[in-house]
Amino acid sequence: MIMILYPERAERISKIMSGCSICSRREAERLISEGRITLNGCVVSEPGTKAVAGRDKICLDGAELDLKAGGGGGYGYYLL
């Protein structure tokens, strides 16, 4: 599966995190409900909160997340 992140399209934080191979959507929703996710410095308490991957700063336990597709592991996809 190829995950394409649109830099200016607002998506649910759980979808952004799962698309970047950080965690599953359910795990992201659990982290949000525990108050461990911040969006631009504010604690996210609603699982349906939306963000823009290319513009917003999402942090887990104070550490900024790498929002590159695939988690930034250096892998890419080529469509032939």
PDB file of N, CA and C in Angstrom:
ATOM      1  N   MET A   1       0.829  -1.169   0.000  1.00  0.00           N
ATOM      2  CA  MET A   1       0.000   0.000   0.000  1.00  0.00           C
ATOM      3  C   MET A   1       0.879   1.240   0.000  1.00  0.00           C
ATOM      4  N   ILE A   2       0.519   2.217  -0.800  1.00  0.00           N
ATOM      5  CA  ILE A   2       1.252   3.466  -0.872  1.00  0.00           C
ATOM      6  C   ILE A   2       0.461   4.525  -0.129  1.00  0.00           C
ATOM      7  N   MET A   3       1.095   5.178   0.822  1.00  0.00           N
ATOM      8  CA  MET A   3       0.458   6.249   1.581  1.00  0.00           C
ATOM      9  C   MET A   3       0.949   7.568   1.036  1.00  0.00           C
ATOM     10  N   ILE A   4       0.059   8.383   0.550  1.00  0.00           N
ATOM     11  CA  ILE A   4       0.416   9.696   0.044  1.00  0.00           C
ATOM     12  C   ILE A   4      -0.123  10.731   1.025  1.00  0.00           C
ATOM     13  N   LEU A   5       0.778  11.544   1.537  1.00  0.00           N
ATOM     14  CA  LEU A   5       0.379  12.601   2.454  1.00  0.00           C
ATOM     15  C   LEU A   5       0.283  13.899   1.675  1.00  0.00           C
ATOM     16  N   TYR A   6      -0.876  14.513   1.710  1.00  0.00           N
ATOM     17  CA  TYR A   6      -1.064  15.798   1.051  1.00  0.00           C
ATOM     18  C   TYR A   6      -0.703  16.878   2.049  1.00  0.00           C
ATOM     19  N   PRO A   7       0.286  17.720   1.739  1.00  0.00           N
ATOM     20  CA  PRO A   7       0.783  18.677   2.730  1.00  0.00           C
ATOM     21  C   PRO A   7      -0.237  19.706   3.196  1.00  0.00           C
ATOM     22  N   GLU A   8      -1.264  19.991   2.418  1.00  0.00           N
ATOM     23  CA  GLU A   8      -2.223  21.024   2.806  1.00  0.00           C
ATOM     24  C   GLU A   8      -3.618  20.478   3.079  1.00  0.00           C
ATOM     25  N   ARG A   9      -3.795  19.170   3.167  1.00  0.00           N
ATOM     26  CA  ARG A   9      -5.105  18.583   3.428  1.00  0.00           C
ATOM     27  C   ARG A   9      -5.189  18.144   4.883  1.00  0.00           C
ATOM     28  N   ALA A  10      -6.220  18.601   5.569  1.00  0.00           N
ATOM     29  CA  ALA A  10      -6.408  18.228   6.972  1.00  0.00           C
ATOM     30  C   ALA A  10      -6.915  16.785   7.058  1.00  0.00           C
ATOM     31  N   GLU A  11      -6.250  15.987   7.891  1.00  0.00           N
ATOM     32  CA  GLU A  11      -6.638  14.593   8.125  1.00  0.00           C
ATOM     33  C   GLU A  11      -6.616  14.330   9.620  1.00  0.00           C
ATOM     34  N   ARG A  12      -7.295  13.274  10.027  1.00  0.00           N
ATOM     35  CA  ARG A  12      -7.293  12.899  11.446  1.00  0.00           C
ATOM     36  C   ARG A  12      -5.869  12.574  11.874  1.00  0.00           C
ATOM     37  N   ILE A  13      -5.529  12.965  13.091  1.00  0.00           N
ATOM     38  CA  ILE A  13      -4.180  12.725  13.599  1.00  0.00           C
ATOM     39  C   ILE A  13      -3.860  11.233  13.610  1.00  0.00           C
ATOM     40  N   SER A  14      -4.840  10.401  13.953  1.00  0.00           N
ATOM     41  CA  SER A  14      -4.595   8.951  13.984  1.00  0.00           C
ATOM     42  C   SER A  14      -4.258   8.421  12.590  1.00  0.00           C
ATOM     43  N   LYS A  15      -4.877   8.968  11.552  1.00  0.00           N
ATOM     44  CA  LYS A  15      -4.592   8.543  10.184  1.00  0.00           C
ATOM     45  C   LYS A  15      -3.191   8.987   9.767  1.00  0.00           C
ATOM     46  N   ILE A  16      -2.812  10.191  10.134  1.00  0.00           N
ATOM     47  CA  ILE A  16      -1.473  10.682   9.814  1.00  0.00           C
ATOM     48  C   ILE A  16      -0.422   9.804  10.474  1.00  0.00           C
ATOM     49  N   MET A  17      -0.619   9.500  11.768  1.00  0.00           N
ATOM     50  CA  MET A  17       0.357   8.694  12.500  1.00  0.00           C
ATOM     51  C   MET A  17       0.457   7.279  11.945  1.00  0.00           C
ATOM     52  N   SER A  18      -0.669   6.666  11.604  1.00  0.00           N
ATOM     53  CA  SER A  18      -0.618   5.304  11.064  1.00  0.00           C
ATOM     54  C   SER A  18      -0.021   5.298   9.669  1.00  0.00           C
ATOM     55  N   GLY A  19      -0.299   6.326   8.873  1.00  0.00           N
ATOM     56  CA  GLY A  19       0.262   6.408   7.534  1.00  0.00           C
ATOM     57  C   GLY A  19       1.765   6.596   7.526  1.00  0.00           C
ATOM     58  N   CYS A  20       2.310   7.146   8.600  1.00  0.00           N
ATOM     59  CA  CYS A  20       3.750   7.346   8.723  1.00  0.00           C
ATOM     60  C   CYS A  20       4.424   6.195   9.464  1.00  0.00           C
ATOM     61  N   SER A  21       3.697   5.106   9.694  1.00  0.00           N
ATOM     62  CA  SER A  21       4.211   3.903  10.369  1.00  0.00           C
ATOM     63  C   SER A  21       4.685   4.184  11.791  1.00  0.00           C
ATOM     64  N   ILE A  22       4.032   5.114  12.454  1.00  0.00           N
ATOM     65  CA  ILE A  22       4.367   5.401  13.851  1.00  0.00           C
ATOM     66  C   ILE A  22       3.637   4.437  14.770  1.00  0.00           C
ATOM     67  N   CYS A  23       2.365   4.211  14.495  1.00  0.00           N
ATOM     68  CA  CYS A  23       1.545   3.266  15.246  1.00  0.00           C
ATOM     69  C   CYS A  23       0.263   3.018  14.463  1.00  0.00           C
ATOM     70  N   SER A  24      -0.553   2.103  14.954  1.00  0.00           N
ATOM     71  CA  SER A  24      -1.837   1.841  14.295  1.00  0.00           C
ATOM     72  C   SER A  24      -2.826   2.956  14.635  1.00  0.00           C
ATOM     73  N   ARG A  25      -3.929   3.008  13.903  1.00  0.00           N
ATOM     74  CA  ARG A  25      -4.940   4.031  14.185  1.00  0.00           C
ATOM     75  C   ARG A  25      -5.524   3.864  15.580  1.00  0.00           C
ATOM     76  N   ARG A  26      -5.795   2.630  15.961  1.00  0.00           N
ATOM     77  CA  ARG A  26      -6.347   2.390  17.299  1.00  0.00           C
ATOM     78  C   ARG A  26      -5.358   2.771  18.388  1.00  0.00           C
ATOM     79  N   GLU A  27      -4.084   2.468  18.164  1.00  0.00           N
ATOM     80  CA  GLU A  27      -3.051   2.844  19.135  1.00  0.00           C
ATOM     81  C   GLU A  27      -2.954   4.363  19.229  1.00  0.00           C
ATOM     82  N   ALA A  28      -3.042   5.055  18.089  1.00  0.00           N
ATOM     83  CA  ALA A  28      -2.998   6.522  18.089  1.00  0.00           C
ATOM     84  C   ALA A  28      -4.182   7.098  18.851  1.00  0.00           C
ATOM     85  N   GLU A  29      -5.359   6.522  18.663  1.00  0.00           N
ATOM     86  CA  GLU A  29      -6.535   6.997  19.384  1.00  0.00           C
ATOM     87  C   GLU A  29      -6.390   6.768  20.889  1.00  0.00           C
ATOM     88  N   ARG A  30      -5.759   5.663  21.269  1.00  0.00           N
ATOM     89  CA  ARG A  30      -5.509   5.400  22.693  1.00  0.00           C
ATOM     90  C   ARG A  30      -4.540   6.439  23.254  1.00  0.00           C
ATOM     91  N   LEU A  31      -3.469   6.742  22.509  1.00  0.00           N
ATOM     92  CA  LEU A  31      -2.496   7.741  22.949  1.00  0.00           C
ATOM     93  C   LEU A  31      -3.153   9.118  23.093  1.00  0.00           C
ATOM     94  N   ILE A  32      -4.052   9.445  22.169  1.00  0.00           N
ATOM     95  CA  ILE A  32      -4.769  10.716  22.237  1.00  0.00           C
ATOM     96  C   ILE A  32      -5.659  10.765  23.481  1.00  0.00           C
ATOM     97  N   SER A  33      -6.387   9.677  23.738  1.00  0.00           N
ATOM     98  CA  SER A  33      -7.288   9.654  24.897  1.00  0.00           C
ATOM     99  C   SER A  33      -6.514   9.703  26.224  1.00  0.00           C
ATOM    100  N   GLU A  34      -5.259   9.238  26.220  1.00  0.00           N
ATOM    101  CA  GLU A  34      -4.414   9.301  27.418  1.00  0.00           C
ATOM    102  C   GLU A  34      -3.785  10.679  27.595  1.00  0.00           C
ATOM    103  N   GLY A  35      -3.943  11.570  26.601  1.00  0.00           N
ATOM    104  CA  GLY A  35      -3.382  12.911  26.698  1.00  0.00           C
ATOM    105  C   GLY A  35      -1.902  12.989  26.397  1.00  0.00           C
ATOM    106  N   ARG A  36      -1.371  12.027  25.643  1.00  0.00           N
ATOM    107  CA  ARG A  36       0.059  11.992  25.351  1.00  0.00           C
ATOM    108  C   ARG A  36       0.425  12.664  24.029  1.00  0.00           C
ATOM    109  N   ILE A  37      -0.562  13.072  23.252  1.00  0.00           N
ATOM    110  CA  ILE A  37      -0.333  13.704  21.954  1.00  0.00           C
ATOM    111  C   ILE A  37      -0.620  15.198  22.069  1.00  0.00           C
ATOM    112  N   THR A  38       0.291  16.022  21.519  1.00  0.00           N
ATOM    113  CA  THR A  38       0.056  17.449  21.449  1.00  0.00           C
ATOM    114  C   THR A  38       0.077  17.888  19.991  1.00  0.00           C
ATOM    115  N   LEU A  39      -0.736  18.881  19.696  1.00  0.00           N
ATOM    116  CA  LEU A  39      -0.814  19.470  18.363  1.00  0.00           C
ATOM    117  C   LEU A  39      -0.495  20.954  18.505  1.00  0.00           C
ATOM    118  N   ASN A  40       0.639  21.350  17.948  1.00  0.00           N
ATOM    119  CA  ASN A  40       1.099  22.746  18.041  1.00  0.00           C
ATOM    120  C   ASN A  40       1.159  23.226  19.486  1.00  0.00           C
ATOM    121  N   GLY A  41       1.601  22.357  20.389  1.00  0.00           N
ATOM    122  CA  GLY A  41       1.783  22.720  21.790  1.00  0.00           C
ATOM    123  C   GLY A  41       0.568  22.547  22.681  1.00  0.00           C
ATOM    124  N   CYS A  42      -0.586  22.189  22.116  1.00  0.00           N
ATOM    125  CA  CYS A  42      -1.808  22.003  22.910  1.00  0.00           C
ATOM    126  C   CYS A  42      -2.149  20.517  22.991  1.00  0.00           C
ATOM    127  N   VAL A  43      -2.498  20.056  24.175  1.00  0.00           N
ATOM    128  CA  VAL A  43      -2.850  18.649  24.357  1.00  0.00           C
ATOM    129  C   VAL A  43      -4.126  18.335  23.580  1.00  0.00           C
ATOM    130  N   VAL A  44      -4.080  17.251  22.813  1.00  0.00           N
ATOM    131  CA  VAL A  44      -5.241  16.812  22.031  1.00  0.00           C
ATOM    132  C   VAL A  44      -6.063  15.872  22.898  1.00  0.00           C
ATOM    133  N   SER A  45      -7.351  16.172  23.053  1.00  0.00           N
ATOM    134  CA  SER A  45      -8.206  15.321  23.881  1.00  0.00           C
ATOM    135  C   SER A  45      -9.306  14.649  23.072  1.00  0.00           C
ATOM    136  N   GLU A  46      -9.520  15.080  21.846  1.00  0.00           N
ATOM    137  CA  GLU A  46     -10.575  14.540  20.995  1.00  0.00           C
ATOM    138  C   GLU A  46      -9.951  13.656  19.909  1.00  0.00           C
ATOM    139  N   PRO A  47     -10.319  12.360  19.831  1.00  0.00           N
ATOM    140  CA  PRO A  47      -9.720  11.463  18.833  1.00  0.00           C
ATOM    141  C   PRO A  47      -9.951  11.890  17.387  1.00  0.00           C
ATOM    142  N   GLY A  48     -10.983  12.657  17.101  1.00  0.00           N
ATOM    143  CA  GLY A  48     -11.278  13.068  15.732  1.00  0.00           C
ATOM    144  C   GLY A  48     -10.592  14.355  15.310  1.00  0.00           C
ATOM    145  N   THR A  49      -9.651  14.844  16.113  1.00  0.00           N
ATOM    146  CA  THR A  49      -8.966  16.093  15.797  1.00  0.00           C
ATOM    147  C   THR A  49      -8.182  15.958  14.500  1.00  0.00           C
ATOM    148  N   LYS A  50      -8.279  16.988  13.667  1.00  0.00           N
ATOM    149  CA  LYS A  50      -7.593  16.963  12.369  1.00  0.00           C
ATOM    150  C   LYS A  50      -6.388  17.887  12.392  1.00  0.00           C
ATOM    151  N   ALA A  51      -5.407  17.538  11.546  1.00  0.00           N
ATOM    152  CA  ALA A  51      -4.183  18.324  11.425  1.00  0.00           C
ATOM    153  C   ALA A  51      -3.718  18.267   9.973  1.00  0.00           C
ATOM    154  N   VAL A  52      -2.829  19.170   9.627  1.00  0.00           N
ATOM    155  CA  VAL A  52      -2.212  19.180   8.304  1.00  0.00           C
ATOM    156  C   VAL A  52      -0.775  18.706   8.489  1.00  0.00           C
ATOM    157  N   ALA A  53      -0.422  17.594   7.858  1.00  0.00           N
ATOM    158  CA  ALA A  53       0.881  16.966   8.079  1.00  0.00           C
ATOM    159  C   ALA A  53       2.046  17.884   7.721  1.00  0.00           C
ATOM    160  N   GLY A  54       1.924  18.678   6.686  1.00  0.00           N
ATOM    161  CA  GLY A  54       3.017  19.534   6.258  1.00  0.00           C
ATOM    162  C   GLY A  54       3.147  20.831   7.036  1.00  0.00           C
ATOM    163  N   ARG A  55       2.172  21.158   7.862  1.00  0.00           N
ATOM    164  CA  ARG A  55       2.160  22.450   8.551  1.00  0.00           C
ATOM    165  C   ARG A  55       2.148  22.326  10.068  1.00  0.00           C
ATOM    166  N   ASP A  56       1.399  21.389  10.600  1.00  0.00           N
ATOM    167  CA  ASP A  56       1.230  21.283  12.055  1.00  0.00           C
ATOM    168  C   ASP A  56       2.335  20.457  12.703  1.00  0.00           C
ATOM    169  N   LYS A  57       2.594  20.759  13.970  1.00  0.00           N
ATOM    170  CA  LYS A  57       3.608  20.051  14.750  1.00  0.00           C
ATOM    171  C   LYS A  57       2.895  19.084  15.701  1.00  0.00           C
ATOM    172  N   ILE A  58       3.109  17.781  15.486  1.00  0.00           N
ATOM    173  CA  ILE A  58       2.499  16.751  16.324  1.00  0.00           C
ATOM    174  C   ILE A  58       3.594  16.119  17.176  1.00  0.00           C
ATOM    175  N   CYS A  59       3.365  16.071  18.482  1.00  0.00           N
ATOM    176  CA  CYS A  59       4.361  15.512  19.403  1.00  0.00           C
ATOM    177  C   CYS A  59       3.753  14.381  20.226  1.00  0.00           C
ATOM    178  N   LEU A  60       4.571  13.394  20.536  1.00  0.00           N
ATOM    179  CA  LEU A  60       4.211  12.285  21.422  1.00  0.00           C
ATOM    180  C   LEU A  60       5.126  12.355  22.625  1.00  0.00           C
ATOM    181  N   ASP A  61       4.563  12.548  23.795  1.00  0.00           N
ATOM    182  CA  ASP A  61       5.323  12.679  25.047  1.00  0.00           C
ATOM    183  C   ASP A  61       6.413  13.747  24.934  1.00  0.00           C
ATOM    184  N   GLY A  62       6.124  14.830  24.214  1.00  0.00           N
ATOM    185  CA  GLY A  62       7.056  15.942  24.087  1.00  0.00           C
ATOM    186  C   GLY A  62       8.049  15.840  22.943  1.00  0.00           C
ATOM    187  N   ALA A  63       8.123  14.684  22.288  1.00  0.00           N
ATOM    188  CA  ALA A  63       9.054  14.500  21.167  1.00  0.00           C
ATOM    189  C   ALA A  63       8.306  14.675  19.850  1.00  0.00           C
ATOM    190  N   GLU A  64       8.835  15.541  18.985  1.00  0.00           N
ATOM    191  CA  GLU A  64       8.182  15.802  17.701  1.00  0.00           C
ATOM    192  C   GLU A  64       8.257  14.564  16.818  1.00  0.00           C
ATOM    193  N   LEU A  65       7.139  14.244  16.164  1.00  0.00           N
ATOM    194  CA  LEU A  65       7.065  13.070  15.304  1.00  0.00           C
ATOM    195  C   LEU A  65       7.574  13.380  13.907  1.00  0.00           C
ATOM    196  N   ASP A  66       8.237  12.388  13.305  1.00  0.00           N
ATOM    197  CA  ASP A  66       8.709  12.490  11.926  1.00  0.00           C
ATOM    198  C   ASP A  66       7.535  12.139  11.029  1.00  0.00           C
ATOM    199  N   LEU A  67       6.977  13.118  10.336  1.00  0.00           N
ATOM    200  CA  LEU A  67       5.756  12.903   9.565  1.00  0.00           C
ATOM    201  C   LEU A  67       6.007  12.611   8.098  1.00  0.00           C
ATOM    202  N   LYS A  68       7.177  12.078   7.785  1.00  0.00           N
ATOM    203  CA  LYS A  68       7.421  11.662   6.410  1.00  0.00           C
ATOM    204  C   LYS A  68       6.740  10.331   6.179  1.00  0.00           C
ATOM    205  N   ALA A  69       6.225  10.095   4.972  1.00  0.00           N
ATOM    206  CA  ALA A  69       5.562   8.819   4.655  1.00  0.00           C
ATOM    207  C   ALA A  69       6.522   7.679   4.922  1.00  0.00           C
ATOM    208  N   GLY A  70       6.061   6.650   5.595  1.00  0.00           N
ATOM    209  CA  GLY A  70       6.898   5.498   5.911  1.00  0.00           C
ATOM    210  C   GLY A  70       7.775   5.721   7.121  1.00  0.00           C
ATOM    211  N   GLY A  71       7.549   6.795   7.862  1.00  0.00           N
ATOM    212  CA  GLY A  71       8.335   7.041   9.068  1.00  0.00           C
ATOM    213  C   GLY A  71       9.708   7.600   8.803  1.00  0.00           C
ATOM    214  N   GLY A  72      10.032   7.940   7.545  1.00  0.00           N
ATOM    215  CA  GLY A  72      11.331   8.507   7.234  1.00  0.00           C
ATOM    216  C   GLY A  72      12.439   7.483   7.279  1.00  0.00           C
ATOM    217  N   GLY A  73      12.135   6.219   7.050  1.00  0.00           N
ATOM    218  CA  GLY A  73      13.127   5.164   7.114  1.00  0.00           C
ATOM    219  C   GLY A  73      14.045   5.078   5.912  1.00  0.00           C
ATOM    220  N   GLY A  74      13.939   6.012   4.978  1.00  0.00           N
ATOM    221  CA  GLY A  74      14.832   6.000   3.832  1.00  0.00           C
ATOM    222  C   GLY A  74      14.316   5.172   2.672  1.00  0.00           C
ATOM    223  N   TYR A  75      13.131   4.633   2.788  1.00  0.00           N
ATOM    224  CA  TYR A  75      12.559   3.831   1.732  1.00  0.00           C
ATOM    225  C   TYR A  75      11.616   4.679   0.893  1.00  0.00           C
ATOM    226  N   GLY A  76      11.494   4.326  -0.357  1.00  0.00           N
ATOM    227  CA  GLY A  76      10.584   5.048  -1.224  1.00  0.00           C
ATOM    228  C   GLY A  76       9.937   4.097  -2.197  1.00  0.00           C
ATOM    229  N   TYR A  77       8.944   4.568  -2.900  1.00  0.00           N
ATOM    230  CA  TYR A  77       8.239   3.780  -3.884  1.00  0.00           C
ATOM    231  C   TYR A  77       8.408   4.424  -5.248  1.00  0.00           C
ATOM    232  N   TYR A  78       8.621   3.596  -6.240  1.00  0.00           N
ATOM    233  CA  TYR A  78       8.711   4.066  -7.614  1.00  0.00           C
ATOM    234  C   TYR A  78       7.593   3.427  -8.410  1.00  0.00           C
ATOM    235  N   LEU A  79       6.840   4.251  -9.061  1.00  0.00           N
ATOM    236  CA  LEU A  79       5.747   3.761  -9.886  1.00  0.00           C
ATOM    237  C   LEU A  79       6.242   3.683 -11.313  1.00  0.00           C
ATOM    238  N   LEU A  80       6.263   2.477 -11.875  1.00  0.00           N
ATOM    239  CA  LEU A  80       6.764   2.292 -13.241  1.00  0.00           C
ATOM    240  C   LEU A  80       5.648   2.153 -14.221  1.00  0.00           C
TER     241      LEU A  80
END
